[in-house]
Amino acid sequence: MTAEKAASEGNMRGLCDITKKLSGNHRKSEQPVKSKEGEVITNIEEQRNRWVEHFKELLSRPAPLNPPNIEVAPTDLPIDVGPPTMKEISMAVRQIKSGKAAGPDNIPAKTLKADVAVTTKILHILFNKIWDEEQVPTNRKEGLLIKIPKKRDLSKCDNYSGITILSIPGKVFNRVLLNWMKDFVDTQLRDQQAEFRKDRSCTDQIATLRIIVE
């Protein structure tokens, strides 16, 4: 694909990738990493084993010795826990961003949104099966762990951040559940709670407090 074609099609991600390659502003997909002892690993298989070792240590943290004692909320939320409806699934599909990368099942978001009506019918059957059997498919619990380099020595595994790419159909399922909960949960939160809430911001609260103080 050329830059001109990407621009004419409105493919901004493709245009950005091509521009980076032409300008030389891109990194190799793989480069040698160092072992714990500081030795450079050049063998691809050994590099993969090193990454597995690194992320296992990073993500497999032991349970805290003194976990906080959090009381269970006394109020049950009046949420209908019946199987998701076609309307709810259709809305969730439309809410997923088209540019989302595909997870382990290799189903990108744009595929689901190409024909929302057909997608909704298929997912309605799947979600009802999950509801009846009370069992989520194994691949919905899996993800692709992608390493993101930082601006330091990239031969050290510690200088990478990791993000997990999950299944898009699984995200639709999660979105249905989130849509059920968010309105009811919002009524239980204090007005002072701004972070992670729609149309609210901690920055706005700080600015308001500063104006009051001044």
Protein backbone atom coordinates (compact mmCIF):
# COMPACT_ATOMS: atom_id res chain seq x y z
CA MET A 1 0.00 0.00 0.00
CA THR A 2 1.29 3.48 -0.89
CA ALA A 3 0.95 6.61 1.22
CA GLU A 4 -1.31 8.16 -1.42
CA LYS A 5 -3.67 5.17 -1.40
CA ALA A 6 -3.80 5.09 2.40
CA ALA A 7 -4.63 8.81 2.50
CA SER A 8 -7.34 8.54 -0.17
CA GLU A 9 -8.97 5.64 1.71
CA GLY A 10 -8.83 7.49 5.01
CA ASN A 11 -6.57 4.78 6.47
CA MET A 12 -4.75 6.99 8.96
CA ARG A 13 -3.09 4.10 10.76
CA GLY A 14 -1.66 2.76 7.50
CA LEU A 15 -0.56 6.25 6.48
CA CYS A 16 1.21 6.74 9.81
CA ASP A 17 3.04 3.39 9.51
CA ILE A 18 4.19 4.15 5.95
CA THR A 19 5.37 7.63 6.96
CA LYS A 20 7.44 6.21 9.81
CA LYS A 21 9.06 3.65 7.52
CA LEU A 22 9.90 6.25 4.85
CA SER A 23 11.38 8.59 7.43
CA GLY A 24 13.38 5.81 9.04
CA ASN A 25 11.57 6.34 12.33
CA HIS A 26 10.86 2.71 13.15
CA ARG A 27 12.40 -0.06 15.18
CA LYS A 28 13.16 -3.63 14.27
CA SER A 29 10.39 -6.01 15.29
CA GLU A 30 12.86 -8.08 17.30
CA GLN A 31 16.27 -7.35 18.76
CA PRO A 32 18.59 -9.19 21.14
CA VAL A 33 17.73 -9.05 24.82
CA LYS A 34 19.84 -9.80 27.86
CA SER A 35 19.48 -12.58 30.38
CA LYS A 36 19.23 -11.89 34.11
CA GLU A 37 23.01 -12.19 34.24
CA GLY A 38 23.42 -9.50 31.57
CA GLU A 39 24.43 -11.84 28.75
CA VAL A 40 23.08 -11.03 25.27
CA ILE A 41 20.63 -13.63 23.90
CA THR A 42 20.55 -13.87 20.10
CA ASN A 43 18.69 -17.17 19.63
CA ILE A 44 15.01 -16.47 18.87
CA GLU A 45 13.69 -19.39 20.94
CA GLU A 46 15.84 -18.43 23.92
CA GLN A 47 14.65 -14.83 23.59
CA ARG A 48 11.04 -15.99 23.77
CA ASN A 49 11.82 -18.06 26.84
CA ARG A 50 13.41 -15.00 28.43
CA TRP A 51 10.26 -12.95 27.77
CA VAL A 52 8.09 -15.69 29.26
CA GLU A 53 10.31 -15.75 32.33
CA HIS A 54 10.21 -11.95 32.64
CA PHE A 55 6.45 -11.56 32.40
CA LYS A 56 5.79 -14.53 34.69
CA GLU A 57 7.87 -12.85 37.38
CA LEU A 58 6.29 -9.47 36.69
CA LEU A 59 2.66 -10.60 36.69
CA SER A 60 2.72 -13.50 39.16
CA ARG A 61 2.89 -11.45 42.32
CA PRO A 62 2.32 -13.16 45.68
CA ALA A 63 -0.85 -12.37 47.59
CA PRO A 64 -0.48 -9.57 50.19
CA LEU A 65 0.21 -10.76 53.72
CA ASN A 66 -2.31 -8.31 55.20
CA PRO A 67 -5.07 -7.76 52.62
CA PRO A 68 -7.44 -4.85 53.32
CA ASN A 69 -10.71 -5.73 54.96
CA ILE A 70 -13.29 -4.39 52.50
CA GLU A 71 -16.88 -4.69 53.63
CA VAL A 72 -19.44 -6.03 51.20
CA ALA A 73 -21.81 -3.37 49.91
CA PRO A 74 -25.11 -3.70 51.83
CA THR A 75 -27.27 -2.76 48.84
CA ASP A 76 -28.07 -5.16 46.01
CA LEU A 77 -28.29 -3.37 42.68
CA PRO A 78 -31.66 -3.80 40.91
CA ILE A 79 -30.12 -5.25 37.75
CA ASP A 80 -31.97 -7.67 35.49
CA VAL A 81 -29.63 -10.66 35.24
CA GLY A 82 -31.53 -12.43 32.47
CA PRO A 83 -29.81 -13.35 29.16
CA PRO A 84 -28.64 -10.37 27.05
CA THR A 85 -31.20 -9.18 24.51
CA MET A 86 -30.59 -8.54 20.81
CA LYS A 87 -30.91 -4.80 21.42
CA GLU A 88 -28.32 -4.82 24.21
CA ILE A 89 -25.86 -6.84 22.12
CA SER A 90 -26.36 -4.60 19.08
CA MET A 91 -25.64 -1.50 21.16
CA ALA A 92 -22.51 -3.10 22.64
CA VAL A 93 -21.18 -4.01 19.17
CA ARG A 94 -21.63 -0.40 18.01
CA GLN A 95 -19.80 0.89 21.08
CA ILE A 96 -16.63 -1.08 20.29
CA LYS A 97 -14.07 1.10 18.50
CA SER A 98 -13.38 -0.02 14.92
CA GLY A 99 -9.61 0.29 15.26
CA LYS A 100 -9.30 -2.29 18.04
CA ALA A 101 -6.72 -5.00 17.30
CA ALA A 102 -7.78 -8.64 17.07
CA GLY A 103 -7.13 -10.96 19.99
CA PRO A 104 -6.12 -14.66 19.96
CA ASP A 105 -9.20 -15.56 17.86
CA ASN A 106 -8.01 -13.17 15.11
CA ILE A 107 -11.42 -11.45 14.84
CA PRO A 108 -10.91 -7.66 14.44
CA ALA A 109 -13.53 -5.14 15.54
CA LYS A 110 -14.20 -3.97 11.98
CA THR A 111 -15.33 -7.50 11.05
CA LEU A 112 -18.01 -7.49 13.74
CA LYS A 113 -19.14 -3.99 12.75
CA ALA A 114 -19.28 -4.73 9.00
CA ASP A 115 -22.81 -6.10 9.47
CA VAL A 116 -24.06 -5.38 12.98
CA ALA A 117 -27.38 -7.22 12.45
CA VAL A 118 -25.71 -10.50 11.46
CA THR A 119 -23.09 -10.16 14.19
CA THR A 120 -25.80 -9.53 16.78
CA LYS A 121 -27.67 -12.72 15.82
CA ILE A 122 -24.52 -14.84 16.06
CA LEU A 123 -23.41 -13.35 19.37
CA HIS A 124 -26.94 -13.64 20.77
CA ILE A 125 -26.77 -17.41 20.29
CA LEU A 126 -23.29 -17.58 21.84
CA PHE A 127 -24.12 -15.35 24.81
CA ASN A 128 -27.29 -17.30 25.58
CA LYS A 129 -25.27 -20.51 25.56
CA ILE A 130 -22.83 -18.94 28.02
CA TRP A 131 -25.78 -17.86 30.19
CA ASP A 132 -27.38 -21.31 30.18
CA GLU A 133 -24.18 -23.26 30.82
CA GLU A 134 -22.65 -20.64 33.14
CA GLN A 135 -19.32 -21.27 31.46
CA VAL A 136 -17.23 -18.78 29.45
CA PRO A 137 -15.28 -20.22 26.47
CA THR A 138 -11.61 -20.78 27.29
CA ASN A 139 -10.36 -18.53 24.48
CA ARG A 140 -12.28 -15.61 26.00
CA LYS A 141 -9.94 -15.84 28.99
CA GLU A 142 -6.78 -15.74 26.85
CA GLY A 143 -4.95 -12.75 25.41
CA LEU A 144 -1.92 -11.74 23.37
CA LEU A 145 0.77 -10.11 25.50
CA ILE A 146 2.44 -7.34 23.50
CA LYS A 147 5.63 -5.64 24.68
CA ILE A 148 5.92 -1.86 24.26
CA PRO A 149 9.47 -0.39 24.34
CA LYS A 150 10.40 2.58 26.51
CA LYS A 151 13.13 5.15 25.79
CA ARG A 152 15.98 3.34 27.51
CA ASP A 153 18.27 0.35 26.97
CA LEU A 154 15.98 -1.96 24.95
CA SER A 155 18.17 -4.99 25.51
CA LYS A 156 16.76 -5.13 29.06
CA CYS A 157 13.33 -6.68 29.54
CA ASP A 158 12.60 -4.27 32.40
CA ASN A 159 12.55 -1.41 29.90
CA TYR A 160 9.37 -2.67 28.23
CA SER A 161 5.74 -2.28 29.20
CA GLY A 162 3.27 -5.07 28.48
CA ILE A 163 -0.31 -4.79 27.24
CA THR A 164 -2.75 -7.64 26.69
CA ILE A 165 -4.87 -7.81 23.53
CA LEU A 166 -8.15 -9.59 24.34
CA SER A 167 -10.85 -11.17 22.18
CA ILE A 168 -13.14 -8.58 20.55
CA PRO A 169 -16.29 -10.76 20.89
CA GLY A 170 -15.30 -11.14 24.54
CA LYS A 171 -15.12 -7.36 24.83
CA VAL A 172 -18.65 -7.10 23.42
CA PHE A 173 -19.83 -9.49 26.14
CA ASN A 174 -18.05 -7.40 28.78
CA ARG A 175 -19.57 -4.23 27.35
CA VAL A 176 -23.07 -5.67 27.75
CA LEU A 177 -22.35 -6.35 31.43
CA LEU A 178 -20.82 -2.90 31.89
CA ASN A 179 -23.85 -1.21 30.36
CA TRP A 180 -26.05 -3.07 32.83
CA MET A 181 -24.05 -1.96 35.84
CA LYS A 182 -22.79 1.55 35.17
CA ASP A 183 -26.05 3.50 35.64
CA PHE A 184 -26.93 1.70 38.87
CA VAL A 185 -23.39 1.91 40.24
CA ASP A 186 -23.22 5.61 39.43
CA THR A 187 -26.11 6.34 41.79
CA GLN A 188 -24.20 4.67 44.64
CA LEU A 189 -21.07 6.81 44.25
CA ARG A 190 -20.46 10.12 45.98
CA ASP A 191 -20.46 13.34 43.96
CA GLN A 192 -16.83 13.84 45.00
CA GLN A 193 -15.81 10.68 43.12
CA ALA A 194 -14.64 11.89 39.71
CA GLU A 195 -11.95 9.53 38.48
CA PHE A 196 -13.05 6.78 36.07
CA ARG A 197 -16.51 8.33 35.67
CA LYS A 198 -18.03 9.65 32.46
CA ASP A 199 -18.07 13.43 31.99
CA ARG A 200 -16.07 13.91 35.20
CA SER A 201 -12.43 14.71 35.80
CA CYS A 202 -10.07 14.98 38.76
CA THR A 203 -8.37 17.83 36.88
CA ASP A 204 -11.64 19.77 36.86
CA GLN A 205 -12.06 19.19 40.58
CA ILE A 206 -8.54 20.44 41.31
CA ALA A 207 -9.18 23.53 39.19
CA THR A 208 -12.47 24.18 41.01
CA LEU A 209 -10.81 23.79 44.42
CA ARG A 210 -8.04 26.17 43.39
CA ILE A 211 -10.57 28.79 42.29
CA ILE A 212 -12.41 28.47 45.62
CA VAL A 213 -9.18 28.81 47.62
CA GLU A 214 -8.03 31.84 45.64
